[in-house]
Amino acid sequence: MSLLAILLIVAGVLAALGVVAAVVLAFRRQTPAIGGRLEPMEPPRSKAPKVERNDTSSDTALVDTASDIGEESAESGAVGEVLTPVAPSFRDRLRRARGTFSGTFASIRGRSAITEEVWEDLEEALIRADVGIGPATELLTAVRARVKSAGITSPSELLEEVKSEMITRLVAPIDLRFSAESPTIWLMVGVNGVGKTTTIGKLGHRLVGEGKTVVMAAGDTFRAAAAEQLAMWGERCGATVIRGAEGGDPSSVIFDAVAHAGSAGADVVLADTAGRLHTKSNLMEELRKVRRVADKGVGSVTEVLLVLDATTGQNGLTQAREFAEAADLTGVVLTKLDGSAKGGIVFAIQSSLGIPVKLVGLGEHAEDLVPFDAEQFVEALFAEED
């Protein structure tokens, strides 16, 4: 090989090395000085606008924690946008209760005639839903008479008659009554764990939203968490909370709350009471005392509401009987109705005791405690699934 050829090869290698050196230098300029490694870069995140909530009215001040989270995640619109809570639908929230009837109703709709088997299936479905043997028998006896007198032969028309009879039997005055002289006093009673304290909080939210001033009496002095829970609700909705010493006399706490409401010109006193078993005579006697003391000061007791857990079924009817004797019940608050397959307890209470269901809980949020609507309730049970 000639000297010229060798020189040309060497020149080519040097040129190639120069290119590699340039690439390496450029690479090093992009590499961090510490760590010697390139880290992936994330695009800059845009910060969501901070919404200032200066309005301390009840419309925004009291919402359950889950509701707060839902509202914040939904605030993608203009700053300061107010989201109006949507009232819960009986049809949407009573899927479990409807499931107790839906199979039977679908089967009856598919038949060609009203046979004795149809009546037996209807009775079984009503009892399974905890309507109770007595109320179920009375209801179907009335429907049989109407079907016979009207000459009804279609199973679908029969179901319409059952629905109409159910609504008729459930319609009752459900308005919560106010005293002519303030303050109005509403007592909440019931066994442990049914949601009395939460019901008071939700009622306070509703009343403050209507422009009323509310005092909450922490009459459950035997459960420390009850007073704390009520204090939290009071702070969130703008109500005053009166509480006593742990283990103290609940009657005196409620008496003090009524006295405070009277001097402050408050509209309503919502009084919590300790949970008690309906089988304990001494505790039921204490409840009688609470009821008497609450009526001794200014204002008057216009509502004594028994709070029942809808999932307890027929046991709720037993509770209602005992509490009605001790405290002159004016109505029932049925909680957790959205999670119960035993919606028939509504019929059992009203048919057996003549005590109206005034409020029902259809969810966990403050807005989910709603007035009972007999027509919407029955329509939800009979609704065909989409």
Protein backbone atom coordinates (compact mmCIF):
# COMPACT_ATOMS: atom_id res chain seq x y z
CA MET A 1 0.00 0.00 0.00
CA SER A 2 1.37 3.43 -0.96
CA LEU A 3 2.10 6.17 1.55
CA LEU A 4 -0.61 8.35 0.02
CA ALA A 5 -3.30 5.73 0.62
CA ILE A 6 -2.24 5.34 4.26
CA LEU A 7 -2.44 9.10 4.81
CA LEU A 8 -5.95 9.19 3.34
CA ILE A 9 -7.18 6.43 5.71
CA VAL A 10 -5.70 8.20 8.75
CA ALA A 11 -7.38 11.46 7.73
CA GLY A 12 -10.74 9.72 7.41
CA VAL A 13 -10.44 8.13 10.88
CA LEU A 14 -9.56 11.49 12.47
CA ALA A 15 -12.59 13.12 10.85
CA ALA A 16 -14.88 10.40 12.19
CA LEU A 17 -13.43 10.82 15.69
CA GLY A 18 -14.13 14.55 15.48
CA VAL A 19 -17.78 13.92 14.73
CA VAL A 20 -18.10 11.48 17.68
CA ALA A 21 -16.44 14.00 20.03
CA ALA A 22 -18.90 16.70 18.99
CA VAL A 23 -21.86 14.41 19.67
CA VAL A 24 -20.52 13.43 23.12
CA LEU A 25 -19.94 17.07 24.04
CA ALA A 26 -23.48 18.02 23.05
CA PHE A 27 -24.87 15.11 25.08
CA ARG A 28 -22.95 16.15 28.19
CA ARG A 29 -24.34 19.64 28.02
CA GLN A 30 -27.85 18.17 28.39
CA THR A 31 -26.84 15.94 31.32
CA PRO A 32 -27.27 17.17 34.95
CA ALA A 33 -24.04 17.97 36.74
CA ILE A 34 -25.02 15.70 39.70
CA GLY A 35 -26.01 12.10 39.17
CA GLY A 36 -24.89 11.86 35.55
CA ARG A 37 -28.36 10.71 34.46
CA LEU A 38 -31.19 12.28 32.48
CA GLU A 39 -34.52 12.36 34.33
CA PRO A 40 -37.81 12.48 32.40
CA MET A 41 -39.37 15.91 32.58
CA GLU A 42 -43.05 16.26 33.36
CA PRO A 43 -45.08 18.94 31.66
CA PRO A 44 -45.98 21.81 33.98
CA ARG A 45 -49.24 21.25 35.83
CA SER A 46 -51.85 23.95 35.70
CA LYS A 47 -53.23 24.81 39.13
CA ALA A 48 -56.98 24.60 39.61
CA PRO A 49 -58.51 27.91 40.58
CA LYS A 50 -59.03 28.27 44.32
CA VAL A 51 -62.67 28.85 45.12
CA GLU A 52 -63.23 31.14 48.06
CA ARG A 53 -66.31 30.23 50.09
CA ASN A 54 -67.23 33.37 51.96
CA ASP A 55 -70.92 32.53 52.19
CA THR A 56 -71.58 31.12 55.65
CA SER A 57 -75.24 30.48 55.10
CA SER A 58 -76.62 26.96 55.61
CA ASP A 59 -76.84 26.28 51.90
CA THR A 60 -73.08 25.87 51.74
CA ALA A 61 -71.95 25.56 55.34
CA LEU A 62 -73.33 22.09 56.03
CA VAL A 63 -72.61 19.25 53.69
CA ASP A 64 -71.44 15.74 54.54
CA THR A 65 -67.73 15.04 54.01
CA ALA A 66 -68.45 12.86 51.02
CA SER A 67 -70.57 15.65 49.57
CA ASP A 68 -67.75 18.16 50.12
CA ILE A 69 -65.38 16.00 48.11
CA GLY A 70 -67.94 15.56 45.37
CA GLU A 71 -68.52 19.31 45.10
CA GLU A 72 -64.81 20.14 44.97
CA SER A 73 -64.18 17.62 42.21
CA ALA A 74 -67.08 19.08 40.26
CA GLU A 75 -65.88 22.67 40.46
CA SER A 76 -64.35 22.88 37.03
CA GLY A 77 -66.49 25.80 35.95
CA ALA A 78 -66.36 29.46 36.87
CA VAL A 79 -64.89 30.50 40.21
CA GLY A 80 -67.59 30.88 42.87
CA GLU A 81 -70.09 28.70 41.05
CA VAL A 82 -72.76 27.40 43.48
CA LEU A 83 -73.89 23.82 42.98
CA THR A 84 -77.53 23.20 43.92
CA PRO A 85 -78.00 19.82 45.67
CA VAL A 86 -80.24 17.43 43.75
CA ALA A 87 -83.10 15.94 45.76
CA PRO A 88 -82.81 12.14 45.92
CA SER A 89 -85.26 10.10 43.87
CA PHE A 90 -87.27 7.38 45.60
CA ARG A 91 -87.10 5.30 42.42
CA ASP A 92 -83.31 5.53 42.21
CA ARG A 93 -82.67 4.94 45.91
CA LEU A 94 -85.10 2.06 46.55
CA ARG A 95 -83.59 -0.51 44.22
CA ARG A 96 -83.06 -3.06 46.99
CA ALA A 97 -86.61 -2.76 48.30
CA ARG A 98 -87.96 -2.96 44.75
CA GLY A 99 -85.95 -6.14 44.20
CA THR A 100 -88.08 -7.89 46.84
CA PHE A 101 -91.18 -7.35 44.70
CA SER A 102 -89.89 -7.17 41.12
CA GLY A 103 -89.69 -10.91 40.46
CA THR A 104 -93.22 -11.54 41.73
CA PHE A 105 -94.68 -8.56 39.90
CA ALA A 106 -92.99 -9.53 36.62
CA SER A 107 -94.31 -13.07 36.96
CA ILE A 108 -97.86 -11.84 37.63
CA ARG A 109 -97.78 -9.45 34.67
CA GLY A 110 -96.91 -12.36 32.42
CA ARG A 111 -99.94 -14.45 33.38
CA SER A 112 -103.21 -14.56 31.53
CA ALA A 113 -105.65 -14.64 34.44
CA ILE A 114 -106.03 -13.85 38.14
CA THR A 115 -105.81 -17.21 39.87
CA GLU A 116 -105.57 -18.19 43.52
CA GLU A 117 -101.86 -18.75 42.93
CA VAL A 118 -101.52 -15.07 41.98
CA TRP A 119 -103.04 -14.01 45.31
CA GLU A 120 -100.74 -16.38 47.20
CA ASP A 121 -97.69 -15.00 45.38
CA LEU A 122 -98.73 -11.45 46.23
CA GLU A 123 -99.17 -12.30 49.90
CA GLU A 124 -95.80 -14.03 50.04
CA ALA A 125 -94.05 -11.03 48.45
CA LEU A 126 -95.65 -8.61 50.94
CA ILE A 127 -94.68 -10.72 53.93
CA ARG A 128 -91.15 -11.20 52.60
CA ALA A 129 -90.82 -7.40 52.41
CA ASP A 130 -91.79 -7.18 56.11
CA VAL A 131 -95.24 -5.71 55.59
CA GLY A 132 -96.37 -8.20 58.25
CA ILE A 133 -98.95 -10.98 58.08
CA GLY A 134 -101.80 -8.90 59.52
CA PRO A 135 -101.32 -5.78 57.33
CA ALA A 136 -100.71 -7.93 54.24
CA THR A 137 -103.92 -9.88 54.80
CA GLU A 138 -105.94 -6.71 55.38
CA LEU A 139 -104.52 -5.07 52.28
CA LEU A 140 -105.22 -8.02 49.98
CA THR A 141 -108.73 -8.53 51.43
CA ALA A 142 -109.57 -4.94 50.47
CA VAL A 143 -108.08 -5.44 46.99
CA ARG A 144 -110.02 -8.69 46.46
CA ALA A 145 -113.26 -6.85 47.16
CA ARG A 146 -112.40 -4.06 44.72
CA VAL A 147 -111.33 -6.51 42.00
CA LYS A 148 -114.56 -8.46 42.40
CA SER A 149 -116.84 -5.42 42.39
CA ALA A 150 -115.09 -3.86 39.38
CA GLY A 151 -114.98 -7.13 37.42
CA ILE A 152 -111.20 -6.95 36.96
CA THR A 153 -109.68 -10.02 35.27
CA SER A 154 -106.30 -8.78 34.05
CA PRO A 155 -103.25 -9.44 36.30
CA SER A 156 -101.79 -6.08 35.28
CA GLU A 157 -104.95 -4.29 36.40
CA LEU A 158 -104.80 -6.26 39.64
CA LEU A 159 -101.32 -4.86 40.35
CA GLU A 160 -102.63 -1.35 39.73
CA GLU A 161 -105.33 -1.97 42.34
CA VAL A 162 -102.72 -3.24 44.82
CA LYS A 163 -100.63 -0.13 44.20
CA SER A 164 -103.62 2.17 44.66
CA GLU A 165 -104.60 0.46 47.94
CA MET A 166 -101.04 0.73 49.26
CA ILE A 167 -100.93 4.47 48.57
CA THR A 168 -104.33 4.99 50.21
CA ARG A 169 -103.20 3.21 53.37
CA LEU A 170 -99.93 5.14 53.59
CA VAL A 171 -101.20 8.67 53.01
CA ALA A 172 -101.09 10.56 56.31
CA PRO A 173 -100.17 14.03 57.60
CA ILE A 174 -96.37 14.22 57.56
CA ASP A 175 -95.77 17.91 58.28
CA LEU A 176 -93.50 18.58 61.24
CA ARG A 177 -95.51 20.78 63.60
CA PHE A 178 -94.34 24.06 65.13
CA SER A 179 -95.37 25.55 68.47
CA ALA A 180 -97.46 28.70 68.59
CA GLU A 181 -94.98 30.03 71.16
CA SER A 182 -91.25 29.68 70.51
CA PRO A 183 -89.26 27.64 70.88
CA THR A 184 -90.63 24.56 69.16
CA ILE A 185 -89.15 21.40 70.70
CA TRP A 186 -88.57 18.18 68.78
CA LEU A 187 -87.33 15.09 70.65
CA MET A 188 -85.48 12.23 68.94
CA VAL A 189 -85.76 8.81 70.57
CA GLY A 190 -84.72 5.28 69.66
CA VAL A 191 -82.33 2.43 70.36
CA ASN A 192 -78.56 2.64 69.94
CA GLY A 193 -77.07 2.95 66.47
CA VAL A 194 -80.13 3.93 64.45
CA GLY A 195 -78.88 7.43 63.57
CA LYS A 196 -80.58 9.80 66.03
CA THR A 197 -77.66 12.23 66.28
CA THR A 198 -77.13 12.27 62.52
CA THR A 199 -80.84 12.83 61.99
CA ILE A 200 -80.70 15.87 64.28
CA GLY A 201 -77.74 17.22 62.31
CA LYS A 202 -79.56 16.81 59.01
CA LEU A 203 -82.74 18.34 60.38
CA GLY A 204 -80.70 21.28 61.67
CA HIS A 205 -79.25 21.73 58.20
CA ARG A 206 -82.72 21.81 56.72
CA LEU A 207 -84.17 24.22 59.30
CA VAL A 208 -81.26 26.69 59.13
CA GLY A 209 -81.62 26.58 55.36
CA GLU A 210 -85.23 27.67 55.84
CA GLY A 211 -84.06 30.68 57.86
CA LYS A 212 -84.78 29.35 61.36
CA THR A 213 -82.47 29.62 64.37
CA VAL A 214 -81.73 26.24 65.92
CA VAL A 215 -80.47 25.02 69.31
CA MET A 216 -79.28 21.42 69.60
CA ALA A 217 -79.46 19.67 72.99
CA ALA A 218 -76.83 16.97 73.51
CA GLY A 219 -79.08 14.83 75.71
CA ASP A 220 -77.12 11.64 75.05
CA THR A 221 -74.79 12.15 78.01
CA PHE A 222 -73.74 8.49 78.20
CA ARG A 223 -71.89 8.41 74.89
CA ALA A 224 -69.11 11.00 74.69
CA ALA A 225 -68.90 10.71 70.92
CA ALA A 226 -72.55 11.75 70.60
CA ALA A 227 -71.91 15.22 72.06
CA GLU A 228 -68.83 15.65 69.88
CA GLN A 229 -70.74 14.56 66.80
CA LEU A 230 -73.56 16.97 67.56
CA ALA A 231 -71.06 19.79 68.16
CA MET A 232 -69.59 19.13 64.72
CA TRP A 233 -73.02 19.31 63.08
CA GLY A 234 -73.84 22.49 65.01
CA GLU A 235 -70.66 24.18 63.85
CA ARG A 236 -71.25 23.20 60.24
CA CYS A 237 -74.84 24.44 60.05
CA GLY A 238 -74.65 27.40 62.40
CA ALA A 239 -76.70 25.96 65.28
CA THR A 240 -75.98 26.44 68.99
CA VAL A 241 -75.18 23.23 70.88
CA ILE A 242 -75.92 22.86 74.61
CA ARG A 243 -74.14 20.00 76.32
CA GLY A 244 -73.64 18.81 79.90
CA ALA A 245 -71.17 16.71 81.85
CA GLU A 246 -70.52 13.19 80.61
CA GLY A 247 -72.85 10.81 82.43
CA GLY A 248 -74.98 13.69 83.66
CA ASP A 249 -78.76 13.96 83.81
CA PRO A 250 -80.07 14.20 80.21
CA SER A 251 -83.26 15.91 81.39
CA SER A 252 -81.31 18.84 82.81
CA VAL A 253 -79.35 19.24 79.56
CA ILE A 254 -82.55 19.44 77.55
CA PHE A 255 -84.12 21.81 80.11
CA ASP A 256 -81.07 24.10 79.86
CA ALA A 257 -81.22 23.99 76.07
CA VAL A 258 -84.88 25.02 76.07
CA ALA A 259 -84.15 27.83 78.55
CA HIS A 260 -81.28 29.07 76.38
CA ALA A 261 -83.47 28.95 73.27
CA GLY A 262 -86.14 30.94 75.04
CA SER A 263 -83.76 33.68 76.18
CA ALA A 264 -82.02 33.84 72.81
CA GLY A 265 -85.26 33.89 70.83
CA ALA A 266 -84.39 30.70 68.93
CA ASP A 267 -87.06 29.02 66.85
CA VAL A 268 -86.43 25.30 67.33
CA VAL A 269 -84.76 23.00 69.87
CA LEU A 270 -83.64 19.63 68.50
CA ALA A 271 -83.10 17.32 71.48
CA ASP A 272 -80.97 14.20 71.29
CA THR A 273 -81.52 11.37 73.77
CA ALA A 274 -79.42 8.38 74.77
CA GLY A 275 -80.05 5.17 72.90
CA ARG A 276 -81.97 2.70 75.01
CA LEU A 277 -83.29 -0.82 74.60
CA HIS A 278 -87.05 -0.91 74.45
CA THR A 279 -86.94 -3.95 76.76
CA LYS A 280 -85.31 -2.03 79.66
CA SER A 281 -88.09 -0.59 81.84
CA ASN A 282 -85.81 1.73 83.84
CA LEU A 283 -84.46 3.37 80.69
CA MET A 284 -87.95 3.79 79.27
CA GLU A 285 -89.02 5.44 82.54
CA GLU A 286 -86.10 7.85 82.18
CA LEU A 287 -87.39 8.69 78.71
CA ARG A 288 -90.79 9.54 80.21
CA LYS A 289 -89.02 11.95 82.55
CA VAL A 290 -87.15 13.58 79.65
CA ARG A 291 -90.46 14.07 77.86
CA ARG A 292 -92.08 15.70 80.93
CA VAL A 293 -89.13 17.99 81.67
CA ALA A 294 -88.87 19.16 78.05
CA ASP A 295 -92.42 20.47 78.28
CA LYS A 296 -91.97 22.37 81.57
CA GLY A 297 -90.18 25.47 80.29
CA VAL A 298 -90.99 27.93 77.55
CA GLY A 299 -92.33 26.70 74.25
CA SER A 300 -93.71 23.19 73.87
CA VAL A 301 -92.88 19.74 72.53
CA THR A 302 -94.70 19.32 69.23
CA GLU A 303 -92.84 16.30 67.84
CA VAL A 304 -91.48 13.14 69.43
CA LEU A 305 -89.88 11.27 66.57
CA LEU A 306 -88.84 7.64 66.82
CA VAL A 307 -85.75 7.02 64.70
CA LEU A 308 -85.75 3.48 63.27
CA ASP A 309 -83.25 1.63 61.11
CA ALA A 310 -85.21 0.34 58.10
CA THR A 311 -82.96 -2.71 57.81
CA THR A 312 -84.24 -4.11 61.15
CA GLY A 313 -87.59 -5.07 59.63
CA GLN A 314 -90.27 -6.36 62.00
CA ASN A 315 -88.09 -5.67 65.05
CA GLY A 316 -88.69 -2.01 64.30
CA LEU A 317 -92.41 -2.56 64.86
CA THR A 318 -91.72 -3.97 68.33
CA GLN A 319 -89.53 -0.97 69.14
CA ALA A 320 -92.24 1.40 67.94
CA ARG A 321 -94.85 -0.14 70.25
CA GLU A 322 -92.67 0.22 73.35
CA PHE A 323 -91.50 3.76 72.59
CA ALA A 324 -95.04 4.87 71.74
CA GLU A 325 -96.14 3.90 75.25
CA ALA A 326 -93.24 5.76 76.89
CA ALA A 327 -93.06 8.96 74.92
CA ASP A 328 -96.31 9.66 73.01
CA LEU A 329 -94.74 9.35 69.58
CA THR A 330 -95.94 11.69 66.85
CA GLY A 331 -94.03 10.18 63.96
CA VAL A 332 -91.22 7.97 62.72
CA VAL A 333 -87.95 8.76 60.97
CA LEU A 334 -86.91 5.73 58.93
CA THR A 335 -83.17 5.77 58.25
CA LYS A 336 -81.18 3.66 55.77
CA LEU A 337 -84.26 3.01 53.64
CA ASP A 338 -82.03 3.08 50.55
CA GLY A 339 -80.04 0.11 51.87
CA SER A 340 -82.99 -2.02 52.99
CA ALA A 341 -84.86 -4.79 51.21
CA LYS A 342 -87.56 -4.54 53.88
CA GLY A 343 -89.41 -1.40 52.88
CA GLY A 344 -92.66 -3.03 53.97
CA ILE A 345 -91.96 -1.95 57.54
CA VAL A 346 -93.50 1.40 56.52
CA PHE A 347 -96.88 -0.35 56.12
CA ALA A 348 -96.45 -2.37 59.31
CA ILE A 349 -95.87 0.72 61.46
CA GLN A 350 -98.66 2.78 59.97
CA SER A 351 -101.21 -0.05 59.80
CA SER A 352 -100.53 -1.53 63.23
CA LEU A 353 -99.87 1.62 65.26
CA GLY A 354 -101.31 4.48 63.25
CA ILE A 355 -98.01 6.37 63.55
CA PRO A 356 -97.02 8.12 60.32
CA VAL A 357 -93.56 7.87 58.80
CA LYS A 358 -92.66 11.55 58.46
CA LEU A 359 -89.07 11.45 57.25
CA VAL A 360 -86.91 8.87 55.47
CA GLY A 361 -83.19 8.60 54.92
CA LEU A 362 -82.30 7.84 51.31
CA GLY A 363 -78.52 8.31 51.57
CA GLU A 364 -75.66 9.66 53.63
CA HIS A 365 -75.72 13.34 52.64
CA ALA A 366 -77.59 16.02 54.55
CA GLU A 367 -80.01 16.50 51.65
CA ASP A 368 -80.88 12.78 51.65
CA LEU A 369 -83.17 13.10 54.69
CA VAL A 370 -86.48 13.90 52.97
CA PRO A 371 -90.19 14.04 53.79
CA PHE A 372 -91.90 10.70 53.22
CA ASP A 373 -93.99 10.66 50.06
CA ALA A 374 -96.43 7.74 49.98
CA GLU A 375 -97.11 7.93 46.24
CA GLN A 376 -93.44 8.15 45.23
CA PHE A 377 -92.57 5.34 47.65
CA VAL A 378 -95.15 2.91 46.27
CA GLU A 379 -94.44 3.90 42.65
CA ALA A 380 -90.76 3.11 43.29
CA LEU A 381 -91.65 -0.38 44.55
CA PHE A 382 -93.76 -1.14 41.48
CA ALA A 383 -91.48 0.45 38.89
CA GLU A 384 -90.23 -1.89 36.19
CA GLU A 385 -86.46 -1.99 35.82
CA ASP A 386 -85.05 -0.21 32.76
